[in-house]
Amino acid sequence: MTTYQCPMCGRKFEKAQATGCAGCMMARACGAIACPNCGYEFPAVPEEA
C-alpha cells in the first residue's frame, strides 16, 4: 500500500484517494498529486515506512 502525507495539512492518504493536479499544461504528465483534504498539490513521493 502506497501512503502519502500532505506537507500542508498533514493528512495521510492512499494513492487511490489522491487526485491529479490540474494547474498547468503538464497536469497529467508531471507526477504531482493533490491532497483529497485540502487540495494542496505536491510531487508524488511516498511516505517512508
C-alpha atoms as a PDB file:
ATOM      1  CA  MET A   1       0.000   0.000   0.000  1.00  0.00           C
ATOM      2  CA  THR A   2       1.418   3.389  -1.043  1.00  0.00           C
ATOM      3  CA  THR A   3       0.788   6.076   1.551  1.00  0.00           C
ATOM      4  CA  TYR A   4       1.354   9.815   1.176  1.00  0.00           C
ATOM      5  CA  GLN A   5       1.320  12.606   3.750  1.00  0.00           C
ATOM      6  CA  CYS A   6       0.312  16.089   2.703  1.00  0.00           C
ATOM      7  CA  PRO A   7       3.034  18.597   3.604  1.00  0.00           C
ATOM      8  CA  MET A   8       0.401  21.334   4.018  1.00  0.00           C
ATOM      9  CA  CYS A   9      -2.291  19.815   6.258  1.00  0.00           C
ATOM     10  CA  GLY A  10      -0.563  16.606   7.414  1.00  0.00           C
ATOM     11  CA  ARG A  11      -3.312  14.220   6.312  1.00  0.00           C
ATOM     12  CA  LYS A  12      -2.181  10.717   5.393  1.00  0.00           C
ATOM     13  CA  PHE A  13      -3.901   9.084   2.445  1.00  0.00           C
ATOM     14  CA  GLU A  14      -3.523   6.295  -0.096  1.00  0.00           C
ATOM     15  CA  LYS A  15      -2.768   6.886  -3.764  1.00  0.00           C
ATOM     16  CA  ALA A  16      -6.314   5.846  -4.729  1.00  0.00           C
ATOM     17  CA  GLN A  17      -7.686   8.749  -2.660  1.00  0.00           C
ATOM     18  CA  ALA A  18      -5.429  11.359  -4.284  1.00  0.00           C
ATOM     19  CA  THR A  19      -6.376  13.446  -7.259  1.00  0.00           C
ATOM     20  CA  GLY A  20      -4.052  14.536 -10.027  1.00  0.00           C
ATOM     21  CA  CYS A  21      -3.050  18.160 -10.191  1.00  0.00           C
ATOM     22  CA  ALA A  22      -4.757  20.380 -12.720  1.00  0.00           C
ATOM     23  CA  GLY A  23      -2.808  23.631 -12.611  1.00  0.00           C
ATOM     24  CA  CYS A  24      -0.803  23.585 -15.844  1.00  0.00           C
ATOM     25  CA  MET A  25      -0.377  22.060 -19.285  1.00  0.00           C
ATOM     26  CA  MET A  26       1.697  19.187 -17.833  1.00  0.00           C
ATOM     27  CA  ALA A  27      -1.028  18.239 -15.345  1.00  0.00           C
ATOM     28  CA  ARG A  28      -1.209  14.591 -16.366  1.00  0.00           C
ATOM     29  CA  ALA A  29       2.496  14.058 -17.030  1.00  0.00           C
ATOM     30  CA  CYS A  30       4.277  15.752 -14.125  1.00  0.00           C
ATOM     31  CA  GLY A  31       3.568  13.125 -11.458  1.00  0.00           C
ATOM     32  CA  ALA A  32       2.144  15.561  -8.925  1.00  0.00           C
ATOM     33  CA  ILE A  33      -0.874  14.664  -6.810  1.00  0.00           C
ATOM     34  CA  ALA A  34      -3.373  16.733  -4.875  1.00  0.00           C
ATOM     35  CA  CYS A  35      -4.387  16.103  -1.280  1.00  0.00           C
ATOM     36  CA  PRO A  36      -8.024  14.954  -1.022  1.00  0.00           C
ATOM     37  CA  ASN A  37      -8.413  17.013   2.175  1.00  0.00           C
ATOM     38  CA  CYS A  38      -7.008  20.456   1.346  1.00  0.00           C
ATOM     39  CA  GLY A  39      -6.231  20.257  -2.392  1.00  0.00           C
ATOM     40  CA  TYR A  40      -2.540  21.122  -1.973  1.00  0.00           C
ATOM     41  CA  GLU A  41      -0.541  19.826  -4.945  1.00  0.00           C
ATOM     42  CA  PHE A  42       2.874  18.234  -4.397  1.00  0.00           C
ATOM     43  CA  PRO A  43       5.241  15.703  -6.026  1.00  0.00           C
ATOM     44  CA  ALA A  44       4.089  12.107  -5.590  1.00  0.00           C
ATOM     45  CA  VAL A  45       6.778  10.885  -3.204  1.00  0.00           C
ATOM     46  CA  PRO A  46       5.525   8.043  -0.978  1.00  0.00           C
ATOM     47  CA  GLU A  47       5.929   8.326   2.771  1.00  0.00           C
ATOM     48  CA  GLU A  48       8.717   6.152   4.144  1.00  0.00           C
ATOM     49  CA  ALA A  49       7.620   3.338   6.413  1.00  0.00           C
END
